[in-house]
Amino acid sequence: MKTREEALSRLGASVGVEFGVNGVRRRVGVEGRVTLLDWLRDELGLTGVKKGCDQGACGACTVLVDGKRVVACLMLVAQCDGREVTTVEGVAGVGEAGAVQDAFVRHDAFQCGYCTPGQIMSAIALIGEGRAGTREEIAEFMSGNLCRCGAYPRIRDAIVDAAGGEVG
């Protein structure tokens, strides 16, 4: 049986991870307990990934991992081995993502802007998942992304617009 000290020292052990970030392959050695959120911000300077609650409750740190949305504060870098991570910096103005960003601007779907990167990443995934059929569906599937300013109606309008629906 391992002692508590041995277990804790293993958490700090370096783990080799190879994965993509915004289309660039990376091979890194990182402590096993480092979160994707902290690594993206501290090592790559990708500050579009916001640290909000650091508990998986606010969605400010939402990124895509293999096209699926995840909260980066609850994912370890070690879990990304062999995967592709996409941040808001990696989707700037590109295809469907550009349409989402443009719609957010058109509908003034942000106020302070702190939650906007996470909202955009969730909206991109939501549309990709085919879950932008109704405003109720959008509200349900965006419920993991909080906005302190209360811009929810405009966020929903932007998503409807970006998904090709009619904003009413």
N, C-alpha and C. Protein backbone atom coordinates (compact mmCIF):
# COMPACT_ATOMS: atom_id res chain seq x y z
N MET A 1 0.84 -1.18 0.00
CA MET A 1 0.00 0.00 0.00
C MET A 1 0.89 1.24 0.00
N LYS A 2 0.51 2.23 -0.78
CA LYS A 2 1.29 3.45 -0.89
C LYS A 2 0.92 4.41 0.22
N THR A 3 1.91 5.15 0.64
CA THR A 3 1.66 6.16 1.65
C THR A 3 1.05 7.38 0.99
N ARG A 4 0.48 8.23 1.80
CA ARG A 4 -0.11 9.47 1.29
C ARG A 4 0.96 10.31 0.58
N GLU A 5 2.15 10.38 1.14
CA GLU A 5 3.23 11.16 0.56
C GLU A 5 3.63 10.63 -0.82
N GLU A 6 3.66 9.30 -0.96
CA GLU A 6 4.00 8.70 -2.25
C GLU A 6 2.93 9.05 -3.29
N ALA A 7 1.69 8.96 -2.88
CA ALA A 7 0.60 9.28 -3.79
C ALA A 7 0.66 10.74 -4.21
N LEU A 8 0.91 11.64 -3.26
CA LEU A 8 0.99 13.06 -3.60
C LEU A 8 2.18 13.36 -4.49
N SER A 9 3.31 12.70 -4.27
CA SER A 9 4.47 12.95 -5.12
C SER A 9 4.21 12.47 -6.54
N ARG A 10 3.43 11.43 -6.72
CA ARG A 10 3.10 10.95 -8.07
C ARG A 10 2.21 11.94 -8.80
N LEU A 11 1.36 12.67 -8.05
CA LEU A 11 0.53 13.68 -8.70
C LEU A 11 1.39 14.76 -9.35
N GLY A 12 2.53 15.07 -8.73
CA GLY A 12 3.41 16.08 -9.27
C GLY A 12 4.35 15.56 -10.33
N ALA A 13 4.33 14.27 -10.60
CA ALA A 13 5.22 13.67 -11.59
C ALA A 13 4.89 14.17 -12.99
N SER A 14 5.90 14.29 -13.81
CA SER A 14 5.71 14.76 -15.17
C SER A 14 5.12 13.65 -16.04
N VAL A 15 4.17 14.03 -16.87
CA VAL A 15 3.49 13.11 -17.77
C VAL A 15 3.73 13.61 -19.19
N GLY A 16 4.09 12.71 -20.09
CA GLY A 16 4.26 13.09 -21.49
C GLY A 16 2.92 13.05 -22.21
N VAL A 17 2.60 14.14 -22.89
CA VAL A 17 1.31 14.25 -23.58
C VAL A 17 1.57 14.81 -24.98
N GLU A 18 0.94 14.19 -25.98
CA GLU A 18 1.00 14.71 -27.34
C GLU A 18 -0.42 14.95 -27.83
N PHE A 19 -0.68 16.17 -28.23
CA PHE A 19 -2.03 16.54 -28.66
C PHE A 19 -1.96 17.80 -29.49
N GLY A 20 -3.10 18.14 -30.09
CA GLY A 20 -3.17 19.35 -30.90
C GLY A 20 -3.87 20.46 -30.16
N VAL A 21 -3.41 21.68 -30.38
CA VAL A 21 -4.09 22.86 -29.86
C VAL A 21 -4.25 23.82 -31.02
N ASN A 22 -5.48 24.08 -31.39
CA ASN A 22 -5.80 24.97 -32.51
C ASN A 22 -5.04 24.59 -33.78
N GLY A 23 -4.96 23.28 -34.02
CA GLY A 23 -4.36 22.77 -35.24
C GLY A 23 -2.85 22.59 -35.20
N VAL A 24 -2.21 22.92 -34.09
CA VAL A 24 -0.76 22.76 -33.95
C VAL A 24 -0.49 21.59 -33.01
N ARG A 25 0.27 20.59 -33.52
CA ARG A 25 0.61 19.42 -32.69
C ARG A 25 1.64 19.83 -31.65
N ARG A 26 1.46 19.34 -30.43
CA ARG A 26 2.37 19.66 -29.34
C ARG A 26 2.72 18.39 -28.59
N ARG A 27 3.96 18.34 -28.15
CA ARG A 27 4.43 17.25 -27.28
C ARG A 27 4.98 17.94 -26.05
N VAL A 28 4.37 17.67 -24.90
CA VAL A 28 4.76 18.39 -23.68
C VAL A 28 4.92 17.42 -22.53
N GLY A 29 5.72 17.83 -21.57
CA GLY A 29 5.80 17.16 -20.28
C GLY A 29 5.14 18.08 -19.27
N VAL A 30 4.20 17.56 -18.55
CA VAL A 30 3.42 18.39 -17.64
C VAL A 30 3.10 17.60 -16.37
N GLU A 31 3.00 18.31 -15.26
CA GLU A 31 2.59 17.64 -14.03
C GLU A 31 1.20 17.04 -14.23
N GLY A 32 0.99 15.87 -13.68
CA GLY A 32 -0.27 15.16 -13.87
C GLY A 32 -1.49 15.90 -13.36
N ARG A 33 -1.31 16.84 -12.46
CA ARG A 33 -2.46 17.54 -11.87
C ARG A 33 -2.76 18.89 -12.52
N VAL A 34 -2.07 19.25 -13.59
CA VAL A 34 -2.27 20.55 -14.24
C VAL A 34 -3.53 20.50 -15.09
N THR A 35 -4.42 21.47 -14.87
CA THR A 35 -5.65 21.51 -15.66
C THR A 35 -5.38 22.10 -17.03
N LEU A 36 -6.23 21.73 -17.96
CA LEU A 36 -6.14 22.25 -19.32
C LEU A 36 -6.28 23.77 -19.29
N LEU A 37 -7.18 24.28 -18.48
CA LEU A 37 -7.39 25.73 -18.36
C LEU A 37 -6.10 26.44 -17.99
N ASP A 38 -5.46 26.00 -16.92
CA ASP A 38 -4.24 26.66 -16.47
C ASP A 38 -3.13 26.54 -17.49
N TRP A 39 -2.99 25.38 -18.12
CA TRP A 39 -1.92 25.18 -19.09
C TRP A 39 -2.12 26.06 -20.32
N LEU A 40 -3.36 26.11 -20.83
CA LEU A 40 -3.62 26.94 -22.01
C LEU A 40 -3.31 28.41 -21.73
N ARG A 41 -3.71 28.88 -20.57
CA ARG A 41 -3.48 30.28 -20.22
C ARG A 41 -2.01 30.56 -19.90
N ASP A 42 -1.43 29.74 -19.03
CA ASP A 42 -0.09 30.01 -18.51
C ASP A 42 1.02 29.64 -19.49
N GLU A 43 0.87 28.54 -20.21
CA GLU A 43 1.94 28.08 -21.09
C GLU A 43 1.81 28.61 -22.51
N LEU A 44 0.58 28.73 -23.01
CA LEU A 44 0.39 29.18 -24.39
C LEU A 44 -0.10 30.62 -24.50
N GLY A 45 -0.50 31.20 -23.38
CA GLY A 45 -0.99 32.58 -23.41
C GLY A 45 -2.34 32.73 -24.09
N LEU A 46 -3.12 31.65 -24.13
CA LEU A 46 -4.44 31.68 -24.75
C LEU A 46 -5.45 32.17 -23.71
N THR A 47 -5.53 33.47 -23.57
CA THR A 47 -6.34 34.07 -22.51
C THR A 47 -7.82 34.20 -22.85
N GLY A 48 -8.21 33.75 -24.04
CA GLY A 48 -9.63 33.68 -24.35
C GLY A 48 -10.33 32.64 -23.50
N VAL A 49 -9.57 31.68 -23.01
CA VAL A 49 -10.09 30.67 -22.09
C VAL A 49 -10.08 31.33 -20.71
N LYS A 50 -11.25 31.64 -20.20
CA LYS A 50 -11.36 32.42 -18.97
C LYS A 50 -11.45 31.53 -17.74
N LYS A 51 -10.85 31.99 -16.66
CA LYS A 51 -10.98 31.31 -15.37
C LYS A 51 -12.09 32.03 -14.62
N GLY A 52 -13.22 31.35 -14.50
CA GLY A 52 -14.36 31.93 -13.79
C GLY A 52 -14.47 31.35 -12.40
N CYS A 53 -15.15 30.23 -12.30
CA CYS A 53 -15.41 29.61 -10.99
C CYS A 53 -14.34 28.60 -10.61
N ASP A 54 -13.63 28.04 -11.59
CA ASP A 54 -12.64 27.00 -11.38
C ASP A 54 -13.25 25.74 -10.76
N GLN A 55 -14.57 25.56 -10.98
CA GLN A 55 -15.29 24.41 -10.42
C GLN A 55 -16.23 23.76 -11.43
N GLY A 56 -16.16 24.17 -12.68
CA GLY A 56 -17.00 23.58 -13.72
C GLY A 56 -18.44 24.05 -13.73
N ALA A 57 -18.72 25.16 -13.05
CA ALA A 57 -20.11 25.59 -12.92
C ALA A 57 -20.49 26.78 -13.80
N CYS A 58 -19.52 27.51 -14.35
CA CYS A 58 -19.88 28.76 -15.05
C CYS A 58 -19.71 28.70 -16.56
N GLY A 59 -18.87 27.82 -17.09
CA GLY A 59 -18.68 27.69 -18.53
C GLY A 59 -17.74 28.69 -19.16
N ALA A 60 -17.14 29.59 -18.39
CA ALA A 60 -16.24 30.60 -18.96
C ALA A 60 -15.02 29.98 -19.63
N CYS A 61 -14.65 28.78 -19.21
CA CYS A 61 -13.46 28.13 -19.74
C CYS A 61 -13.78 27.08 -20.80
N THR A 62 -14.96 27.14 -21.39
CA THR A 62 -15.38 26.13 -22.37
C THR A 62 -14.47 26.13 -23.60
N VAL A 63 -14.00 24.95 -23.95
CA VAL A 63 -13.22 24.71 -25.16
C VAL A 63 -13.81 23.47 -25.83
N LEU A 64 -13.35 23.19 -27.03
CA LEU A 64 -13.76 21.97 -27.70
C LEU A 64 -12.61 20.97 -27.64
N VAL A 65 -12.91 19.75 -27.29
CA VAL A 65 -11.94 18.66 -27.32
C VAL A 65 -12.53 17.61 -28.25
N ASP A 66 -11.84 17.40 -29.36
CA ASP A 66 -12.34 16.53 -30.43
C ASP A 66 -13.76 16.93 -30.84
N GLY A 67 -13.98 18.24 -30.89
CA GLY A 67 -15.25 18.78 -31.34
C GLY A 67 -16.36 18.80 -30.31
N LYS A 68 -16.11 18.28 -29.13
CA LYS A 68 -17.12 18.26 -28.06
C LYS A 68 -16.75 19.31 -27.02
N ARG A 69 -17.73 20.01 -26.50
CA ARG A 69 -17.44 21.05 -25.52
C ARG A 69 -17.13 20.45 -24.15
N VAL A 70 -16.13 21.02 -23.53
CA VAL A 70 -15.74 20.63 -22.18
C VAL A 70 -15.35 21.88 -21.41
N VAL A 71 -15.46 21.81 -20.10
CA VAL A 71 -14.97 22.90 -19.28
C VAL A 71 -13.51 22.57 -18.93
N ALA A 72 -12.62 23.44 -19.36
CA ALA A 72 -11.19 23.18 -19.26
C ALA A 72 -10.68 23.18 -17.82
N CYS A 73 -11.45 23.76 -16.90
CA CYS A 73 -11.01 23.77 -15.50
C CYS A 73 -11.13 22.39 -14.85
N LEU A 74 -11.92 21.51 -15.44
CA LEU A 74 -12.11 20.17 -14.88
C LEU A 74 -11.39 19.08 -15.67
N MET A 75 -10.70 19.47 -16.71
CA MET A 75 -9.98 18.50 -17.53
C MET A 75 -8.48 18.67 -17.31
N LEU A 76 -7.80 17.57 -17.14
CA LEU A 76 -6.35 17.60 -16.99
C LEU A 76 -5.69 17.56 -18.36
N VAL A 77 -4.54 18.20 -18.48
CA VAL A 77 -3.79 18.14 -19.74
C VAL A 77 -3.51 16.68 -20.09
N ALA A 78 -3.21 15.88 -19.09
CA ALA A 78 -2.90 14.46 -19.31
C ALA A 78 -4.05 13.72 -19.99
N GLN A 79 -5.27 14.20 -19.85
CA GLN A 79 -6.43 13.57 -20.48
C GLN A 79 -6.53 13.91 -21.97
N CYS A 80 -5.71 14.83 -22.43
CA CYS A 80 -5.78 15.30 -23.82
C CYS A 80 -4.88 14.52 -24.76
N ASP A 81 -4.16 13.55 -24.26
CA ASP A 81 -3.22 12.79 -25.09
C ASP A 81 -3.93 12.23 -26.32
N GLY A 82 -3.40 12.56 -27.50
CA GLY A 82 -3.95 12.07 -28.76
C GLY A 82 -5.19 12.80 -29.23
N ARG A 83 -5.54 13.88 -28.58
CA ARG A 83 -6.78 14.58 -28.92
C ARG A 83 -6.49 15.94 -29.55
N GLU A 84 -7.56 16.62 -29.96
CA GLU A 84 -7.45 17.96 -30.54
C GLU A 84 -8.26 18.93 -29.69
N VAL A 85 -7.59 19.97 -29.21
CA VAL A 85 -8.22 21.00 -28.39
C VAL A 85 -8.37 22.25 -29.24
N THR A 86 -9.55 22.85 -29.20
CA THR A 86 -9.79 24.09 -29.93
C THR A 86 -10.30 25.14 -28.96
N THR A 87 -9.64 26.30 -28.98
CA THR A 87 -10.06 27.43 -28.14
C THR A 87 -10.69 28.49 -29.03
N VAL A 88 -11.21 29.52 -28.42
CA VAL A 88 -11.83 30.60 -29.19
C VAL A 88 -10.81 31.25 -30.12
N GLU A 89 -9.54 31.27 -29.73
CA GLU A 89 -8.52 31.83 -30.61
C GLU A 89 -8.36 30.99 -31.88
N GLY A 90 -8.65 29.71 -31.79
CA GLY A 90 -8.51 28.80 -32.92
C GLY A 90 -9.66 28.83 -33.90
N VAL A 91 -10.74 29.51 -33.55
CA VAL A 91 -11.90 29.55 -34.44
C VAL A 91 -12.18 30.95 -34.96
N ALA A 92 -11.33 31.89 -34.64
CA ALA A 92 -11.56 33.30 -35.00
C ALA A 92 -11.85 33.46 -36.48
N GLY A 93 -13.09 33.83 -36.79
CA GLY A 93 -13.48 34.14 -38.16
C GLY A 93 -13.53 32.99 -39.13
N VAL A 94 -13.50 31.74 -38.64
CA VAL A 94 -13.43 30.58 -39.52
C VAL A 94 -14.81 29.94 -39.68
N GLY A 95 -15.28 29.80 -40.91
CA GLY A 95 -16.49 29.06 -41.23
C GLY A 95 -17.67 29.32 -40.33
N GLU A 96 -18.27 28.23 -39.83
CA GLU A 96 -19.43 28.31 -38.95
C GLU A 96 -19.11 29.11 -37.69
N ALA A 97 -17.89 28.97 -37.19
CA ALA A 97 -17.48 29.71 -36.00
C ALA A 97 -17.50 31.21 -36.28
N GLY A 98 -17.07 31.60 -37.46
CA GLY A 98 -17.11 33.01 -37.83
C GLY A 98 -18.54 33.52 -37.87
N ALA A 99 -19.46 32.67 -38.33
CA ALA A 99 -20.87 33.06 -38.36
C ALA A 99 -21.40 33.28 -36.95
N VAL A 100 -20.97 32.45 -36.01
CA VAL A 100 -21.39 32.61 -34.61
C VAL A 100 -20.83 33.91 -34.06
N GLN A 101 -19.56 34.16 -34.29
CA GLN A 101 -18.94 35.39 -33.79
C GLN A 101 -19.61 36.61 -34.40
N ASP A 102 -19.87 36.59 -35.70
CA ASP A 102 -20.55 37.71 -36.36
C ASP A 102 -21.94 37.93 -35.77
N ALA A 103 -22.66 36.85 -35.52
CA ALA A 103 -24.01 36.95 -34.95
C ALA A 103 -23.96 37.54 -33.54
N PHE A 104 -22.96 37.17 -32.76
CA PHE A 104 -22.82 37.75 -31.42
C PHE A 104 -22.64 39.26 -31.50
N VAL A 105 -21.87 39.71 -32.47
CA VAL A 105 -21.66 41.15 -32.65
C VAL A 105 -22.95 41.82 -33.11
N ARG A 106 -23.60 41.24 -34.12
CA ARG A 106 -24.85 41.81 -34.66
C ARG A 106 -25.92 41.95 -33.60
N HIS A 107 -26.00 40.99 -32.69
CA HIS A 107 -27.08 40.98 -31.70
C HIS A 107 -26.64 41.53 -30.35
N ASP A 108 -25.44 42.10 -30.30
CA ASP A 108 -24.91 42.65 -29.05
C ASP A 108 -25.09 41.63 -27.92
N ALA A 109 -24.61 40.41 -28.18
CA ALA A 109 -24.84 39.28 -27.28
C ALA A 109 -23.79 39.20 -26.17
N PHE A 110 -23.28 40.33 -25.80
CA PHE A 110 -22.31 40.38 -24.71
C PHE A 110 -22.38 41.77 -24.11
N GLN A 111 -22.04 41.87 -22.86
CA GLN A 111 -21.95 43.18 -22.25
C GLN A 111 -20.53 43.36 -21.72
N CYS A 112 -20.22 42.75 -20.60
CA CYS A 112 -18.84 42.90 -20.12
C CYS A 112 -17.88 42.07 -20.96
N GLY A 113 -18.36 41.00 -21.58
CA GLY A 113 -17.55 40.19 -22.48
C GLY A 113 -16.79 39.06 -21.82
N TYR A 114 -16.81 38.97 -20.51
CA TYR A 114 -16.01 37.95 -19.84
C TYR A 114 -16.45 36.53 -20.23
N CYS A 115 -17.73 36.30 -20.30
CA CYS A 115 -18.23 34.96 -20.62
C CYS A 115 -18.27 34.67 -22.11
N THR A 116 -18.07 35.69 -22.94
CA THR A 116 -18.28 35.56 -24.37
C THR A 116 -17.48 34.43 -25.03
N PRO A 117 -16.19 34.27 -24.75
CA PRO A 117 -15.48 33.16 -25.41
C PRO A 117 -16.10 31.79 -25.11
N GLY A 118 -16.45 31.55 -23.85
CA GLY A 118 -17.09 30.29 -23.49
C GLY A 118 -18.46 30.15 -24.12
N GLN A 119 -19.21 31.25 -24.18
CA GLN A 119 -20.53 31.23 -24.83
C GLN A 119 -20.38 30.89 -26.31
N ILE A 120 -19.41 31.51 -26.96
CA ILE A 120 -19.19 31.26 -28.39
C ILE A 120 -18.81 29.80 -28.63
N MET A 121 -17.91 29.27 -27.81
CA MET A 121 -17.49 27.87 -28.00
C MET A 121 -18.67 26.92 -27.77
N SER A 122 -19.48 27.20 -26.77
CA SER A 122 -20.67 26.35 -26.54
C SER A 122 -21.67 26.49 -27.68
N ALA A 123 -21.83 27.71 -28.19
CA ALA A 123 -22.77 27.93 -29.29
C ALA A 123 -22.32 27.18 -30.55
N ILE A 124 -21.02 27.20 -30.83
CA ILE A 124 -20.49 26.47 -31.98
C ILE A 124 -20.80 24.98 -31.84
N ALA A 125 -20.55 24.44 -30.65
CA ALA A 125 -20.82 23.01 -30.41
C ALA A 125 -22.31 22.72 -30.48
N LEU A 126 -23.11 23.58 -29.89
CA LEU A 126 -24.57 23.42 -29.88
C LEU A 126 -25.11 23.34 -31.30
N ILE A 127 -24.68 24.25 -32.15
CA ILE A 127 -25.13 24.24 -33.54
C ILE A 127 -24.63 22.98 -34.24
N GLY A 128 -23.37 22.63 -34.01
CA GLY A 128 -22.81 21.41 -34.60
C GLY A 128 -23.52 20.15 -34.16
N GLU A 129 -24.04 20.15 -32.93
CA GLU A 129 -24.78 19.00 -32.40
C GLU A 129 -26.22 18.96 -32.91
N GLY A 130 -26.65 20.01 -33.62
CA GLY A 130 -28.02 20.08 -34.12
C GLY A 130 -29.04 20.37 -33.02
N ARG A 131 -28.60 21.09 -32.00
CA ARG A 131 -29.48 21.36 -30.85
C ARG A 131 -29.93 22.82 -30.78
N ALA A 132 -29.99 23.47 -31.91
CA ALA A 132 -30.42 24.87 -31.93
C ALA A 132 -31.77 25.01 -32.60
N GLY A 133 -32.64 24.02 -32.41
CA GLY A 133 -33.94 24.01 -33.07
C GLY A 133 -34.92 25.03 -32.55
N THR A 134 -34.97 25.20 -31.23
CA THR A 134 -35.90 26.15 -30.62
C THR A 134 -35.16 26.97 -29.56
N ARG A 135 -35.76 28.08 -29.18
CA ARG A 135 -35.16 28.91 -28.12
C ARG A 135 -35.08 28.13 -26.80
N GLU A 136 -36.08 27.30 -26.55
CA GLU A 136 -36.07 26.50 -25.32
C GLU A 136 -34.93 25.49 -25.34
N GLU A 137 -34.72 24.88 -26.49
CA GLU A 137 -33.63 23.93 -26.65
C GLU A 137 -32.28 24.64 -26.47
N ILE A 138 -32.15 25.81 -27.07
CA ILE A 138 -30.92 26.59 -26.92
C ILE A 138 -30.70 26.94 -25.45
N ALA A 139 -31.73 27.40 -24.78
CA ALA A 139 -31.60 27.76 -23.36
C ALA A 139 -31.16 26.55 -22.54
N GLU A 140 -31.73 25.41 -22.82
CA GLU A 140 -31.38 24.19 -22.09
C GLU A 140 -29.94 23.79 -22.30
N PHE A 141 -29.51 23.75 -23.56
CA PHE A 141 -28.18 23.26 -23.87
C PHE A 141 -27.09 24.31 -23.67
N MET A 142 -27.46 25.55 -23.42
CA MET A 142 -26.49 26.60 -23.07
C MET A 142 -26.50 26.89 -21.57
N SER A 143 -27.27 26.13 -20.82
CA SER A 143 -27.45 26.42 -19.39
C SER A 143 -26.16 26.28 -18.57
N GLY A 144 -25.16 25.62 -19.10
CA GLY A 144 -23.88 25.50 -18.39
C GLY A 144 -22.99 26.72 -18.55
N ASN A 145 -23.43 27.70 -19.33
CA ASN A 145 -22.66 28.92 -19.54
C ASN A 145 -23.41 30.09 -18.91
N LEU A 146 -22.83 30.63 -17.85
CA LEU A 146 -23.48 31.72 -17.13
C LEU A 146 -23.01 33.08 -17.63
N CYS A 147 -23.92 34.05 -17.58
CA CYS A 147 -23.62 35.43 -17.97
C CYS A 147 -24.06 36.32 -16.83
N ARG A 148 -23.10 36.93 -16.16
CA ARG A 148 -23.43 37.81 -15.04
C ARG A 148 -24.24 39.02 -15.47
N CYS A 149 -24.08 39.45 -16.71
CA CYS A 149 -24.78 40.64 -17.18
C CYS A 149 -26.22 40.35 -17.62
N GLY A 150 -26.55 39.09 -17.76
CA GLY A 150 -27.91 38.72 -18.14
C GLY A 150 -28.24 38.93 -19.60
N ALA A 151 -27.28 38.73 -20.48
CA ALA A 151 -27.50 38.94 -21.91
C ALA A 151 -28.11 37.71 -22.59
N TYR A 152 -28.76 36.85 -21.83
CA TYR A 152 -29.28 35.59 -22.37
C TYR A 152 -30.19 35.75 -23.58
N PRO A 153 -31.16 36.69 -23.58
CA PRO A 153 -32.02 36.81 -24.77
C PRO A 153 -31.22 37.14 -26.04
N ARG A 154 -30.22 37.99 -25.91
CA ARG A 154 -29.41 38.35 -27.09
C ARG A 154 -28.49 37.20 -27.49
N ILE A 155 -28.01 36.45 -26.51
CA ILE A 155 -27.19 35.27 -26.83
C ILE A 155 -28.03 34.27 -27.61
N ARG A 156 -29.25 34.03 -27.15
CA ARG A 156 -30.14 33.11 -27.88
C ARG A 156 -30.45 33.63 -29.28
N ASP A 157 -30.69 34.95 -29.41
CA ASP A 157 -30.93 35.53 -30.74
C ASP A 157 -29.74 35.29 -31.65
N ALA A 158 -28.54 35.49 -31.13
CA ALA A 158 -27.33 35.30 -31.92
C ALA A 158 -27.20 33.84 -32.37
N ILE A 159 -27.52 32.91 -31.49
CA ILE A 159 -27.41 31.49 -31.84
C ILE A 159 -28.45 31.11 -32.89
N VAL A 160 -29.68 31.59 -32.72
CA VAL A 160 -30.72 31.34 -33.72
C VAL A 160 -30.26 31.88 -35.08
N ASP A 161 -29.75 33.09 -35.09
CA ASP A 161 -29.27 33.72 -36.31
C ASP A 161 -28.14 32.91 -36.94
N ALA A 162 -27.16 32.55 -36.15
CA ALA A 162 -25.99 31.80 -36.67
C ALA A 162 -26.40 30.42 -37.19
N ALA A 163 -27.43 29.86 -36.60
CA ALA A 163 -27.91 28.53 -37.03
C ALA A 163 -28.81 28.62 -38.25
N GLY A 164 -29.06 29.85 -38.71
CA GLY A 164 -29.86 30.03 -39.91
C GLY A 164 -31.34 30.17 -39.66
N GLY A 165 -31.70 30.34 -38.39
CA GLY A 165 -33.11 30.50 -38.04
C GLY A 165 -33.55 31.95 -38.15
N GLU A 166 -34.80 32.16 -37.85
CA GLU A 166 -35.35 33.49 -37.93
C GLU A 166 -35.46 34.07 -36.52
N VAL A 167 -34.81 35.19 -36.31
CA VAL A 167 -34.83 35.86 -35.02
C VAL A 167 -36.11 36.66 -34.93
N GLY A 168 -36.86 36.40 -33.84
CA GLY A 168 -38.14 37.11 -33.74
C GLY A 168 -38.36 37.81 -32.48
